[in-house]
C-alpha atoms as a PDB file:
ATOM      1  CA  MET A   1      35.685  -7.290 -12.853  1.00  0.00           C
ATOM      2  CA  LEU A   2      36.977 -10.149 -10.658  1.00  0.00           C
ATOM      3  CA  ARG A   3      36.795  -7.409  -7.960  1.00  0.00           C
ATOM      4  CA  LEU A   4      33.258  -6.354  -8.685  1.00  0.00           C
ATOM      5  CA  LEU A   5      32.375 -10.287  -8.606  1.00  0.00           C
ATOM      6  CA  ALA A   6      34.282 -10.399  -4.967  1.00  0.00           C
ATOM      7  CA  LEU A   7      32.296  -7.932  -4.042  1.00  0.00           C
ATOM      8  CA  LEU A   8      28.845  -8.824  -5.237  1.00  0.00           C
ATOM      9  CA  CYS A   9      30.056 -12.203  -3.503  1.00  0.00           C
ATOM     10  CA  LEU A  10      30.412 -10.347  -0.412  1.00  0.00           C
ATOM     11  CA  TRP A  11      27.133  -8.806  -0.199  1.00  0.00           C
ATOM     12  CA  CYS A  12      25.472 -12.166  -1.015  1.00  0.00           C
ATOM     13  CA  LEU A  13      27.191 -13.395   2.293  1.00  0.00           C
ATOM     14  CA  LEU A  14      25.779 -10.423   4.258  1.00  0.00           C
ATOM     15  CA  VAL A  15      22.475 -10.069   2.906  1.00  0.00           C
ATOM     16  CA  PRO A  16      20.308 -13.167   3.902  1.00  0.00           C
ATOM     17  CA  ALA A  17      18.315 -15.227   1.453  1.00  0.00           C
ATOM     18  CA  ALA A  18      14.071 -14.362   1.767  1.00  0.00           C
ATOM     19  CA  GLY A  19      13.018 -18.016   3.543  1.00  0.00           C
ATOM     20  CA  ALA A  20      16.302 -18.795   4.773  1.00  0.00           C
ATOM     21  CA  GLN A  21      16.101 -20.399   8.995  1.00  0.00           C
ATOM     22  CA  SER A  22      15.806 -17.695  10.783  1.00  0.00           C
ATOM     23  CA  VAL A  23      16.911 -16.791  14.700  1.00  0.00           C
ATOM     24  CA  ARG A  24      15.549 -15.345  17.530  1.00  0.00           C
ATOM     25  CA  LEU A  25      15.610 -11.147  17.686  1.00  0.00           C
ATOM     26  CA  PRO A  26      18.249 -10.347  20.112  1.00  0.00           C
ATOM     27  CA  ALA A  27      17.646  -8.430  23.315  1.00  0.00           C
ATOM     28  CA  MET A  28      19.259  -4.961  23.486  1.00  0.00           C
ATOM     29  CA  GLN A  29      19.740  -1.212  24.812  1.00  0.00           C
ATOM     30  CA  THR A  30      19.161   1.095  21.909  1.00  0.00           C
ATOM     31  CA  ASP A  31      17.041   4.220  22.058  1.00  0.00           C
ATOM     32  CA  GLN A  32      15.551   7.266  20.354  1.00  0.00           C
ATOM     33  CA  VAL A  33      13.304   5.266  18.160  1.00  0.00           C
ATOM     34  CA  THR A  34      11.573   6.675  15.185  1.00  0.00           C
ATOM     35  CA  VAL A  35       9.728   5.113  12.115  1.00  0.00           C
ATOM     36  CA  SER A  36       9.851   5.806   8.677  1.00  0.00           C
ATOM     37  CA  GLY A  37       7.818   4.001   5.897  1.00  0.00           C
ATOM     38  CA  LEU A  38       6.630   3.989   1.982  1.00  0.00           C
ATOM     39  CA  SER A  39       2.817   3.890   0.749  1.00  0.00           C
ATOM     40  CA  ALA A  40       1.029   1.456   3.026  1.00  0.00           C
ATOM     41  CA  GLY A  41       4.447   1.487   4.761  1.00  0.00           C
ATOM     42  CA  GLY A  42       3.963   5.046   5.442  1.00  0.00           C
ATOM     43  CA  PHE A  43       0.469   4.699   6.705  1.00  0.00           C
ATOM     44  CA  MET A  44       1.776   1.946   9.107  1.00  0.00           C
ATOM     45  CA  ALA A  45       4.555   4.411  10.218  1.00  0.00           C
ATOM     46  CA  VAL A  46       1.693   7.236  10.995  1.00  0.00           C
ATOM     47  CA  GLN A  47      -0.413   4.722  12.671  1.00  0.00           C
ATOM     48  CA  PHE A  48       2.805   2.990  14.331  1.00  0.00           C
ATOM     49  CA  GLU A  49       4.204   6.937  15.254  1.00  0.00           C
ATOM     50  CA  VAL A  50       0.613   7.985  16.716  1.00  0.00           C
ATOM     51  CA  ALA A  51      -0.660   4.968  18.845  1.00  0.00           C
ATOM     52  CA  PHE A  52       2.818   4.851  20.262  1.00  0.00           C
ATOM     53  CA  SER A  53       4.077   8.346  20.941  1.00  0.00           C
ATOM     54  CA  ALA A  54       5.351   8.612  24.142  1.00  0.00           C
ATOM     55  CA  SER A  55       8.089   6.253  23.062  1.00  0.00           C
ATOM     56  CA  VAL A  56       8.367   7.213  19.125  1.00  0.00           C
ATOM     57  CA  ARG A  57      10.222  10.691  18.736  1.00  0.00           C
ATOM     58  CA  GLY A  58       9.314  11.087  14.677  1.00  0.00           C
ATOM     59  CA  ALA A  59       8.638   9.840  11.476  1.00  0.00           C
ATOM     60  CA  GLY A  60       9.774   9.798   8.019  1.00  0.00           C
ATOM     61  CA  ILE A  61       6.592   9.436   5.401  1.00  0.00           C
ATOM     62  CA  VAL A  62       6.652   8.802   1.533  1.00  0.00           C
ATOM     63  CA  ALA A  63       3.555   8.829  -0.276  1.00  0.00           C
ATOM     64  CA  ALA A  64       0.890   8.237   2.805  1.00  0.00           C
ATOM     65  CA  GLY A  65      -1.755   9.984   4.659  1.00  0.00           C
ATOM     66  CA  PRO A  66      -3.017  11.194   8.065  1.00  0.00           C
ATOM     67  CA  TYR A  67      -3.888   8.605  10.875  1.00  0.00           C
ATOM     68  CA  ASN A  68      -6.651   6.490  10.675  1.00  0.00           C
ATOM     69  CA  CYS A  69      -7.429   7.796   7.286  1.00  0.00           C
ATOM     70  CA  ALA A  70      -9.449   4.870   5.905  1.00  0.00           C
ATOM     71  CA  GLN A  71     -11.677   4.719   9.172  1.00  0.00           C
ATOM     72  CA  GLY A  72     -11.626   0.879   8.839  1.00  0.00           C
ATOM     73  CA  THR A  73     -12.995   0.848   5.263  1.00  0.00           C
ATOM     74  CA  VAL A  74     -11.282  -0.272   1.909  1.00  0.00           C
ATOM     75  CA  TYR A  75     -13.786   2.246  -0.009  1.00  0.00           C
ATOM     76  CA  LEU A  76     -12.126   5.386   1.608  1.00  0.00           C
ATOM     77  CA  ALA A  77      -8.140   3.332   1.948  1.00  0.00           C
ATOM     78  CA  THR A  78      -8.750   2.960  -2.015  1.00  0.00           C
ATOM     79  CA  THR A  79     -10.658   5.948  -3.346  1.00  0.00           C
ATOM     80  CA  ALA A  80     -10.284   8.952  -0.818  1.00  0.00           C
ATOM     81  CA  CYS A  81      -6.758   8.127   0.918  1.00  0.00           C
ATOM     82  CA  SER A  82      -5.295   6.341  -2.538  1.00  0.00           C
ATOM     83  CA  CYS A  83      -6.477   6.055  -5.970  1.00  0.00           C
ATOM     84  CA  THR A  84      -6.003   2.516  -6.026  1.00  0.00           C
ATOM     85  CA  SER A  85      -9.374   0.688  -6.617  1.00  0.00           C
ATOM     86  CA  ASP A  86      -9.944  -1.133  -9.763  1.00  0.00           C
ATOM     87  CA  LEU A  87     -13.801  -0.471  -9.731  1.00  0.00           C
ATOM     88  CA  LEU A  88     -14.425   2.701  -8.153  1.00  0.00           C
ATOM     89  CA  ALA A  89     -13.375   6.279  -8.935  1.00  0.00           C
ATOM     90  CA  CYS A  90     -10.940   8.173  -7.161  1.00  0.00           C
ATOM     91  CA  HIS A  91     -12.045  11.151  -5.127  1.00  0.00           C
ATOM     92  CA  VAL A  92      -8.654  12.343  -3.557  1.00  0.00           C
ATOM     93  CA  ARG A  93      -8.568  15.695  -3.268  1.00  0.00           C
ATOM     94  CA  THR A  94      -7.222  18.233  -0.691  1.00  0.00           C
ATOM     95  CA  GLY A  95      -9.327  18.219   2.281  1.00  0.00           C
ATOM     96  CA  GLY A  96     -11.015  15.100   1.093  1.00  0.00           C
ATOM     97  CA  THR A  97      -9.611  12.730   4.282  1.00  0.00           C
ATOM     98  CA  ASP A  98     -11.635  14.748   6.741  1.00  0.00           C
ATOM     99  CA  VAL A  99      -8.688  16.059   9.141  1.00  0.00           C
ATOM    100  CA  SER A 100     -10.716  17.455  11.602  1.00  0.00           C
ATOM    101  CA  LEU A 101     -12.486  14.115  12.204  1.00  0.00           C
ATOM    102  CA  LEU A 102      -9.496  12.002  12.340  1.00  0.00           C
ATOM    103  CA  VAL A 103      -8.127  14.544  14.752  1.00  0.00           C
ATOM    104  CA  ALA A 104     -11.435  14.183  17.038  1.00  0.00           C
ATOM    105  CA  ASP A 105     -11.116  10.456  16.257  1.00  0.00           C
ATOM    106  CA  THR A 106      -7.416  10.676  17.476  1.00  0.00           C
ATOM    107  CA  SER A 107      -8.767  12.209  20.816  1.00  0.00           C
ATOM    108  CA  GLN A 108     -11.316   9.817  21.344  1.00  0.00           C
ATOM    109  CA  LEU A 109      -9.139   6.826  20.843  1.00  0.00           C
ATOM    110  CA  ALA A 110      -6.246   8.423  23.509  1.00  0.00           C
ATOM    111  CA  ARG A 111      -9.404   8.900  25.877  1.00  0.00           C
ATOM    112  CA  SER A 112     -10.156   5.404  25.552  1.00  0.00           C
ATOM    113  CA  GLY A 113      -6.656   4.480  26.422  1.00  0.00           C
ATOM    114  CA  LEU A 114      -6.337   2.817  22.850  1.00  0.00           C
ATOM    115  CA  ILE A 115      -3.243   4.924  22.020  1.00  0.00           C
ATOM    116  CA  ASP A 116      -1.143   7.077  23.565  1.00  0.00           C
ATOM    117  CA  SER A 117      -1.794  10.620  24.226  1.00  0.00           C
ATOM    118  CA  PRO A 118      -1.258  12.693  21.348  1.00  0.00           C
ATOM    119  CA  SER A 119       0.279  15.284  23.270  1.00  0.00           C
ATOM    120  CA  TYR A 120       3.306  13.695  23.245  1.00  0.00           C
ATOM    121  CA  LEU A 121       3.230  14.287  19.314  1.00  0.00           C
ATOM    122  CA  ALA A 122       4.617  18.141  20.367  1.00  0.00           C
ATOM    123  CA  SER A 123       8.207  16.948  20.667  1.00  0.00           C
ATOM    124  CA  HIS A 124       8.425  14.935  17.489  1.00  0.00           C
ATOM    125  CA  LYS A 125       9.673  15.491  14.043  1.00  0.00           C
ATOM    126  CA  VAL A 126       8.163  14.606  10.696  1.00  0.00           C
ATOM    127  CA  TRP A 127       9.869  14.252   7.442  1.00  0.00           C
ATOM    128  CA  MET A 128       7.158  13.928   4.797  1.00  0.00           C
ATOM    129  CA  PHE A 129       8.022  13.163   0.623  1.00  0.00           C
ATOM    130  CA  SER A 130       5.497  13.627  -1.941  1.00  0.00           C
ATOM    131  CA  GLY A 131       6.294  13.228  -5.557  1.00  0.00           C
ATOM    132  CA  THR A 132       4.514  15.603  -7.991  1.00  0.00           C
ATOM    133  CA  ALA A 133       3.959  12.795 -10.474  1.00  0.00           C
ATOM    134  CA  ASP A 134       2.750  10.291  -7.704  1.00  0.00           C
ATOM    135  CA  THR A 135      -0.539   8.749  -9.402  1.00  0.00           C
ATOM    136  CA  VAL A 136      -1.182   6.315  -6.493  1.00  0.00           C
ATOM    137  CA  VAL A 137      -1.041   8.845  -3.627  1.00  0.00           C
ATOM    138  CA  PRO A 138      -1.569  12.096  -4.969  1.00  0.00           C
ATOM    139  CA  ARG A 139      -0.031  14.945  -3.222  1.00  0.00           C
ATOM    140  CA  ALA A 140      -3.592  16.167  -1.972  1.00  0.00           C
ATOM    141  CA  VAL A 141      -3.472  13.308   0.550  1.00  0.00           C
ATOM    142  CA  MET A 142       0.108  14.004   1.577  1.00  0.00           C
ATOM    143  CA  HIS A 143      -0.937  17.883   2.196  1.00  0.00           C
ATOM    144  CA  ASP A 144      -4.022  16.726   4.388  1.00  0.00           C
ATOM    145  CA  LEU A 145      -1.479  14.362   6.284  1.00  0.00           C
ATOM    146  CA  ARG A 146       0.602  17.565   6.812  1.00  0.00           C
ATOM    147  CA  ASN A 147      -2.529  19.590   8.399  1.00  0.00           C
ATOM    148  CA  TYR A 148      -3.135  16.569  10.699  1.00  0.00           C
ATOM    149  CA  TYR A 149       0.579  17.055  12.021  1.00  0.00           C
ATOM    150  CA  ARG A 150       0.122  20.516  12.454  1.00  0.00           C
ATOM    151  CA  HIS A 151      -2.572  20.086  15.342  1.00  0.00           C
ATOM    152  CA  TYR A 152       0.264  18.763  17.316  1.00  0.00           C
ATOM    153  CA  LEU A 153       3.801  19.809  15.885  1.00  0.00           C
ATOM    154  CA  ALA A 154       4.819  23.002  15.400  1.00  0.00           C
ATOM    155  CA  PRO A 155       5.486  23.960  11.384  1.00  0.00           C
ATOM    156  CA  SER A 156       9.200  24.478  12.533  1.00  0.00           C
ATOM    157  CA  GLN A 157       9.161  20.561  13.511  1.00  0.00           C
ATOM    158  CA  ILE A 158       7.785  19.459   9.928  1.00  0.00           C
ATOM    159  CA  SER A 159      10.039  18.916   6.596  1.00  0.00           C
ATOM    160  CA  TYR A 160       8.096  18.665   3.559  1.00  0.00           C
ATOM    161  CA  GLN A 161       9.161  17.930   0.323  1.00  0.00           C
ATOM    162  CA  SER A 162       6.760  18.033  -2.773  1.00  0.00           C
ATOM    163  CA  SER A 163       8.463  19.540  -5.909  1.00  0.00           C
ATOM    164  CA  ILE A 164      10.490  16.409  -6.967  1.00  0.00           C
ATOM    165  CA  PRO A 165       8.392  14.597 -10.237  1.00  0.00           C
ATOM    166  CA  ALA A 166       8.884  11.477  -8.649  1.00  0.00           C
ATOM    167  CA  GLU A 167       6.091   8.755  -9.351  1.00  0.00           C
ATOM    168  CA  HIS A 168       4.890   6.244  -6.465  1.00  0.00           C
ATOM    169  CA  ALA A 169       8.330   4.714  -5.053  1.00  0.00           C
ATOM    170  CA  MET A 170      10.777   5.153  -2.510  1.00  0.00           C
ATOM    171  CA  PRO A 171      13.290   8.030  -4.143  1.00  0.00           C
ATOM    172  CA  THR A 172      17.026   7.540  -3.920  1.00  0.00           C
ATOM    173  CA  ASP A 173      20.180   8.925  -5.875  1.00  0.00           C
ATOM    174  CA  SER A 174      21.940   5.979  -7.080  1.00  0.00           C
ATOM    175  CA  TYR A 175      19.350   2.761  -8.045  1.00  0.00           C
ATOM    176  CA  GLY A 176      16.427   2.270  -9.370  1.00  0.00           C
ATOM    177  CA  LYS A 177      13.984   2.783 -12.564  1.00  0.00           C
ATOM    178  CA  ALA A 178      13.594   6.414 -13.864  1.00  0.00           C
ATOM    179  CA  CYS A 179      12.189   8.638 -11.359  1.00  0.00           C
ATOM    180  CA  ASP A 180       8.691   9.038 -13.008  1.00  0.00           C
ATOM    181  CA  TYR A 181       8.521   5.238 -13.518  1.00  0.00           C
ATOM    182  CA  PHE A 182       5.573   3.223 -12.145  1.00  0.00           C
ATOM    183  CA  GLY A 183       6.135  -0.365 -11.084  1.00  0.00           C
ATOM    184  CA  SER A 184       8.321  -3.043  -9.101  1.00  0.00           C
ATOM    185  CA  PRO A 185      10.015  -2.613  -7.278  1.00  0.00           C
ATOM    186  CA  TYR A 186       8.956   1.027  -6.452  1.00  0.00           C
ATOM    187  CA  ILE A 187      12.374   2.012  -5.742  1.00  0.00           C
ATOM    188  CA  ASN A 188      13.352   4.721  -8.203  1.00  0.00           C
ATOM    189  CA  ASN A 189      16.824   7.143  -8.884  1.00  0.00           C
ATOM    190  CA  CYS A 190      15.467  10.127  -8.508  1.00  0.00           C
ATOM    191  CA  GLY A 191      18.646  11.970  -7.828  1.00  0.00           C
ATOM    192  CA  TYR A 192      17.457  12.492  -4.157  1.00  0.00           C
ATOM    193  CA  ASP A 193      18.541  10.570  -1.099  1.00  0.00           C
ATOM    194  CA  ALA A 194      14.852  10.218   0.603  1.00  0.00           C
ATOM    195  CA  ALA A 195      16.346   7.697   3.074  1.00  0.00           C
ATOM    196  CA  GLY A 196      19.267  10.179   4.212  1.00  0.00           C
ATOM    197  CA  GLN A 197      17.387  13.207   4.186  1.00  0.00           C
ATOM    198  CA  LEU A 198      14.675  11.762   6.592  1.00  0.00           C
ATOM    199  CA  LEU A 199      17.459  10.440   8.594  1.00  0.00           C
ATOM    200  CA  LYS A 200      19.092  13.790   8.771  1.00  0.00           C
ATOM    201  CA  TRP A 201      15.948  15.154   9.764  1.00  0.00           C
ATOM    202  CA  LEU A 202      14.876  13.029  12.349  1.00  0.00           C
ATOM    203  CA  TYR A 203      18.365  12.536  14.312  1.00  0.00           C
ATOM    204  CA  GLY A 204      19.988  15.983  13.441  1.00  0.00           C
ATOM    205  CA  PRO A 205      23.391  16.183  12.000  1.00  0.00           C
ATOM    206  CA  LEU A 206      24.790  12.561  10.593  1.00  0.00           C
ATOM    207  CA  ASN A 207      28.227  11.747   9.547  1.00  0.00           C
ATOM    208  CA  ALA A 208      28.626  11.132   5.877  1.00  0.00           C
ATOM    209  CA  ARG A 209      27.323   7.935   4.527  1.00  0.00           C
ATOM    210  CA  ASN A 210      29.265   5.007   3.858  1.00  0.00           C
ATOM    211  CA  GLU A 211      30.097   4.721  -0.028  1.00  0.00           C
ATOM    212  CA  SER A 212      31.385   1.264   0.294  1.00  0.00           C
ATOM    213  CA  MET A 213      30.217  -2.294   1.019  1.00  0.00           C
ATOM    214  CA  PRO A 214      28.122  -2.423   4.023  1.00  0.00           C
ATOM    215  CA  GLY A 215      30.017  -2.705   7.347  1.00  0.00           C
ATOM    216  CA  GLY A 216      27.092  -4.040   9.113  1.00  0.00           C
ATOM    217  CA  ARG A 217      25.692  -7.437   9.831  1.00  0.00           C
ATOM    218  CA  TRP A 218      22.214  -8.732   8.776  1.00  0.00           C
ATOM    219  CA  LEU A 219      20.063 -11.020  10.999  1.00  0.00           C
ATOM    220  CA  GLU A 220      16.691 -12.601   9.732  1.00  0.00           C
ATOM    221  CA  PHE A 221      14.879 -13.388  12.675  1.00  0.00           C
ATOM    222  CA  ASP A 222      11.773 -15.195  13.859  1.00  0.00           C
ATOM    223  CA  GLN A 223       8.466 -12.703  13.621  1.00  0.00           C
ATOM    224  CA  SER A 224       6.208 -15.752  15.114  1.00  0.00           C
ATOM    225  CA  GLU A 225       7.519 -14.777  18.227  1.00  0.00           C
ATOM    226  CA  PHE A 226       5.777 -11.711  18.333  1.00  0.00           C
ATOM    227  CA  LEU A 227       2.590 -12.558  16.309  1.00  0.00           C
ATOM    228  CA  ALA A 228       1.268 -15.900  16.419  1.00  0.00           C
ATOM    229  CA  LEU A 229       1.033 -17.373  13.103  1.00  0.00           C
ATOM    230  CA  PRO A 230       1.669 -14.338  11.294  1.00  0.00           C
ATOM    231  CA  MET A 231       1.130 -15.177   7.889  1.00  0.00           C
ATOM    232  CA  LEU A 232      -2.632 -15.861   8.795  1.00  0.00           C
ATOM    233  CA  HIS A 233      -2.520 -12.045   9.966  1.00  0.00           C
ATOM    234  CA  GLY A 234      -0.666 -10.463   6.864  1.00  0.00           C
ATOM    235  CA  MET A 235       2.886 -10.827   8.694  1.00  0.00           C
ATOM    236  CA  ALA A 236       5.952 -12.965   7.419  1.00  0.00           C
ATOM    237  CA  GLU A 237       7.420 -15.782   9.378  1.00  0.00           C
ATOM    238  CA  ASN A 238      10.582 -13.553   9.113  1.00  0.00           C
ATOM    239  CA  GLY A 239      11.909  -9.891   9.516  1.00  0.00           C
ATOM    240  CA  TYR A 240      15.151  -8.346   9.255  1.00  0.00           C
ATOM    241  CA  LEU A 241      17.739  -6.441  11.264  1.00  0.00           C
ATOM    242  CA  TYR A 242      20.895  -4.565  10.290  1.00  0.00           C
ATOM    243  CA  ARG A 243      23.614  -3.941  12.838  1.00  0.00           C
ATOM    244  CA  PRO A 244      26.105  -1.431  11.923  1.00  0.00           C
ATOM    245  CA  PRO A 245      29.631  -0.999  13.268  1.00  0.00           C
ATOM    246  CA  GLY A 246      29.498  -0.139  16.886  1.00  0.00           C
ATOM    247  CA  CYS A 247      26.014  -1.960  17.694  1.00  0.00           C
ATOM    248  CA  ASP A 248      27.322  -5.201  18.545  1.00  0.00           C
ATOM    249  CA  GLY A 249      26.177  -6.814  22.359  1.00  0.00           C
ATOM    250  CA  ASN A 250      23.596  -5.011  23.638  1.00  0.00           C
ATOM    251  CA  ALA A 251      24.128  -1.896  21.344  1.00  0.00           C
ATOM    252  CA  ALA A 252      23.785   0.817  24.145  1.00  0.00           C
ATOM    253  CA  GLY A 253      24.022   4.212  22.631  1.00  0.00           C
ATOM    254  CA  CYS A 254      22.885   3.023  19.479  1.00  0.00           C
ATOM    255  CA  ARG A 255      19.569   4.764  17.949  1.00  0.00           C
ATOM    256  CA  LEU A 256      16.858   2.190  16.321  1.00  0.00           C
ATOM    257  CA  HIS A 257      15.138   3.344  13.387  1.00  0.00           C
ATOM    258  CA  VAL A 258      11.915   1.239  11.933  1.00  0.00           C
ATOM    259  CA  VAL A 259      11.368   0.812   8.305  1.00  0.00           C
ATOM    260  CA  PHE A 260       7.847  -0.050   7.097  1.00  0.00           C
ATOM    261  CA  HIS A 261       8.134  -1.143   2.991  1.00  0.00           C
ATOM    262  CA  GLY A 262       5.171  -0.631   1.087  1.00  0.00           C
ATOM    263  CA  CYS A 263       2.678  -3.210  -0.745  1.00  0.00           C
ATOM    264  CA  LEU A 264       4.395  -5.693  -3.437  1.00  0.00           C
ATOM    265  CA  GLN A 265       7.859  -4.738  -1.598  1.00  0.00           C
ATOM    266  CA  ASP A 266       7.782  -7.966   0.517  1.00  0.00           C
ATOM    267  CA  PRO A 267      10.308 -11.051   0.119  1.00  0.00           C
ATOM    268  CA  THR A 268       7.325 -12.889  -1.570  1.00  0.00           C
ATOM    269  CA  HIS A 269       7.427 -10.006  -4.149  1.00  0.00           C
ATOM    270  CA  ILE A 270      10.807  -8.882  -4.600  1.00  0.00           C
ATOM    271  CA  GLY A 271      13.054 -10.825  -1.799  1.00  0.00           C
ATOM    272  CA  THR A 272      15.536  -8.628   0.017  1.00  0.00           C
ATOM    273  CA  VAL A 273      15.841  -5.792  -2.633  1.00  0.00           C
ATOM    274  CA  PHE A 274      14.233  -3.185  -0.657  1.00  0.00           C
ATOM    275  CA  ILE A 275      16.114  -3.806   2.325  1.00  0.00           C
ATOM    276  CA  GLU A 276      19.127  -3.517   0.000  1.00  0.00           C
ATOM    277  CA  HIS A 277      18.751  -0.708  -2.040  1.00  0.00           C
ATOM    278  CA  SER A 278      16.217   1.535  -0.129  1.00  0.00           C
ATOM    279  CA  GLY A 279      19.425   3.635   1.093  1.00  0.00           C
ATOM    280  CA  TYR A 280      19.028   3.230   4.987  1.00  0.00           C
ATOM    281  CA  THR A 281      22.140   0.979   5.511  1.00  0.00           C
ATOM    282  CA  ALA A 282      24.755   3.438   4.229  1.00  0.00           C
ATOM    283  CA  TRP A 283      23.645   6.137   6.657  1.00  0.00           C
ATOM    284  CA  ALA A 284      23.292   3.787   9.037  1.00  0.00           C
ATOM    285  CA  ASP A 285      26.891   2.391   8.923  1.00  0.00           C
ATOM    286  CA  ASN A 286      28.753   5.572  10.086  1.00  0.00           C
ATOM    287  CA  ASN A 287      26.086   6.719  12.496  1.00  0.00           C
ATOM    288  CA  ARG A 288      25.492   3.730  14.518  1.00  0.00           C
ATOM    289  CA  ILE A 289      21.579   3.264  13.672  1.00  0.00           C
ATOM    290  CA  VAL A 290      20.541  -0.056  13.735  1.00  0.00           C
ATOM    291  CA  LEU A 291      17.603  -0.925  11.500  1.00  0.00           C
ATOM    292  CA  LEU A 292      14.573  -3.153  11.983  1.00  0.00           C
ATOM    293  CA  PHE A 293      12.768  -4.045   8.686  1.00  0.00           C
ATOM    294  CA  PRO A 294       9.479  -5.791   9.827  1.00  0.00           C
ATOM    295  CA  GLN A 295       7.947  -7.922   6.873  1.00  0.00           C
ATOM    296  CA  ALA A 296       4.439  -8.106   5.938  1.00  0.00           C
ATOM    297  CA  SER A 297       2.932 -11.032   3.386  1.00  0.00           C
ATOM    298  CA  PRO A 298       0.198 -11.590   1.126  1.00  0.00           C
ATOM    299  CA  ILE A 299      -2.857 -13.449   2.138  1.00  0.00           C
ATOM    300  CA  TYR A 300      -4.586 -14.971  -0.743  1.00  0.00           C
ATOM    301  CA  PRO A 301      -6.734 -14.460  -2.862  1.00  0.00           C
ATOM    302  CA  PHE A 302      -8.819 -11.420  -1.842  1.00  0.00           C
ATOM    303  CA  THR A 303      -7.461 -10.303   2.039  1.00  0.00           C
ATOM    304  CA  ASN A 304      -4.220  -8.951   1.275  1.00  0.00           C
ATOM    305  CA  PRO A 305      -2.678 -10.206  -1.901  1.00  0.00           C
ATOM    306  CA  LYS A 306       0.042  -7.373  -2.304  1.00  0.00           C
ATOM    307  CA  ALA A 307       1.563  -7.579   0.955  1.00  0.00           C
ATOM    308  CA  CYS A 308       0.504  -4.512   2.467  1.00  0.00           C
ATOM    309  CA  TRP A 309       0.576  -3.253   5.983  1.00  0.00           C
ATOM    310  CA  ASP A 310      -3.136  -3.445   7.516  1.00  0.00           C
ATOM    311  CA  TRP A 311      -4.087   0.220   7.403  1.00  0.00           C
ATOM    312  CA  PHE A 312      -7.525  -0.377   6.774  1.00  0.00           C
ATOM    313  CA  GLY A 313      -8.474  -3.110   9.078  1.00  0.00           C
ATOM    314  CA  TYR A 314      -8.283  -6.176   6.454  1.00  0.00           C
ATOM    315  CA  ASP A 315      -7.323  -8.447   9.494  1.00  0.00           C
ATOM    316  CA  ASP A 316      -8.209  -6.465  12.828  1.00  0.00           C
ATOM    317  CA  VAL A 317     -10.828  -3.667  13.574  1.00  0.00           C
ATOM    318  CA  ARG A 318      -8.311  -2.491  16.170  1.00  0.00           C
ATOM    319  CA  TYR A 319      -5.652  -1.980  13.667  1.00  0.00           C
ATOM    320  CA  ALA A 320      -4.664   1.446  14.449  1.00  0.00           C
ATOM    321  CA  THR A 321      -4.494   1.169  18.329  1.00  0.00           C
ATOM    322  CA  ARG A 322      -1.728  -0.353  20.346  1.00  0.00           C
ATOM    323  CA  LEU A 323      -4.120  -3.359  20.278  1.00  0.00           C
ATOM    324  CA  GLY A 324      -4.136  -4.101  16.578  1.00  0.00           C
ATOM    325  CA  ARG A 325      -2.213  -7.200  15.905  1.00  0.00           C
ATOM    326  CA  GLN A 326       0.222  -6.157  13.466  1.00  0.00           C
ATOM    327  CA  MET A 327       0.990  -2.606  15.397  1.00  0.00           C
ATOM    328  CA  ALA A 328       1.235  -5.018  19.155  1.00  0.00           C
ATOM    329  CA  ALA A 329       3.837  -7.433  17.275  1.00  0.00           C
ATOM    330  CA  VAL A 330       6.237  -4.553  15.807  1.00  0.00           C
ATOM    331  CA  LYS A 331       5.877  -2.757  19.112  1.00  0.00           C
ATOM    332  CA  ARG A 332       7.023  -6.053  21.043  1.00  0.00           C
ATOM    333  CA  MET A 333      10.234  -5.972  18.327  1.00  0.00           C
ATOM    334  CA  VAL A 334      10.579  -2.545  19.368  1.00  0.00           C
ATOM    335  CA  ASP A 335      10.866  -3.310  22.966  1.00  0.00           C
ATOM    336  CA  ARG A 336      13.024  -6.081  22.764  1.00  0.00           C
ATOM    337  CA  LEU A 337      15.561  -3.934  20.765  1.00  0.00           C
ATOM    338  CA  THR A 338      15.235  -1.119  23.532  1.00  0.00           C
ATOM    339  CA  GLY A 339      14.915  -3.149  26.630  1.00  0.00           C
ATOM    340  CA  PHE A 340      11.776  -1.776  27.601  1.00  0.00           C
ATOM    341  CA  THR A 341       9.980  -3.506  30.271  1.00  0.00           C
ATOM    342  CA  PRO A 342       6.636  -3.152  31.539  1.00  0.00           C
ATOM    343  CA  GLY A 343       5.877  -0.588  34.503  1.00  0.00           C
ATOM    344  CA  VAL A 344       8.462   1.533  32.802  1.00  0.00           C
ATOM    345  CA  ARG A 345       7.454   5.392  31.565  1.00  0.00           C
ATOM    346  CA  CYS A 346       8.729   6.426  28.363  1.00  0.00           C
ATOM    347  CA  ARG A 347       8.773  10.015  26.779  1.00  0.00           C
ATOM    348  CA  ARG A 348      10.624  11.532  23.917  1.00  0.00           C
ATOM    349  CA  GLY A 349      12.219   8.255  23.257  1.00  0.00           C
ATOM    350  CA  ARG A 350      13.488   7.807  26.417  1.00  0.00           C
ATOM    351  CA  CYS A 351      12.110   5.211  29.291  1.00  0.00           C
ATOM    352  CA  THR A 352      12.399   5.541  32.713  1.00  0.00           C
ATOM    353  CA  SER A 353      11.080   3.574  35.912  1.00  0.00           C
END
């Protein structure tokens, strides 16, 4: 018991308390950028991957839909891309997101220079998870996401797990509520390590995960450096960075993975539970993967009370493009961590002048 208490105390020292004084995000030289996310974070991960496809190499998506699924409307976001409207009936069905229209929109945005060319997606790898019991983003939406990706990627580059009876949550093999439970903190023990599976698909074979206390260090950093007055635009004042062993200094040779939390998983609602228990750090420790956890924030009373990422235009009509406030802010964080500078060309996660 004393040893357990000691370990818990050590963990408290390693993980910063939400709201603690933050510091500047350090400049680093990581590479092989990938992204992942759950629910609204999954929509944001798709959005980020497509808009910045020249400098990202893949995405892991849990319970989300195709790029620009909402087309800038709350109505489609809550009735066709998800079942989240309190007032309107859900119309989710396979094909209901109109993938052909979204593909055409993707091409148009690329021609307008608002997103990277979707041709870069051809080299990406994508991992997808949809629980059979998901009542928020039913499998029909994820099927549409798979069909969207098939316009750009070979089937062999897409891994799709859709047979586990999971509700709407991040699946783990050791932490959380029962697999079919719906509710906070939206992390469920399904006997399935989603974080590990997606990282192995995106990066290839990895060393075994760390089964003991985290060996890296957490940094709570100032997000307002990347977006002025972030809480007015649905982003928290602070975000989190995890630096595993071997990724000190400029972290040359370390990889970068960006994790977008879902609605109601921000520090305001659950503190640091998501970043601690979603399963990523154990794999980061033994594989030199730096983890960036940008944080959303609620906007009360009606705009964004659940601290969702902007995947339907609640803050910015440009939300799905490189010019979207949240998108640009996170890209600036990624640029800081990869050492990217303007005028440098990137492809397949590597940048050259």
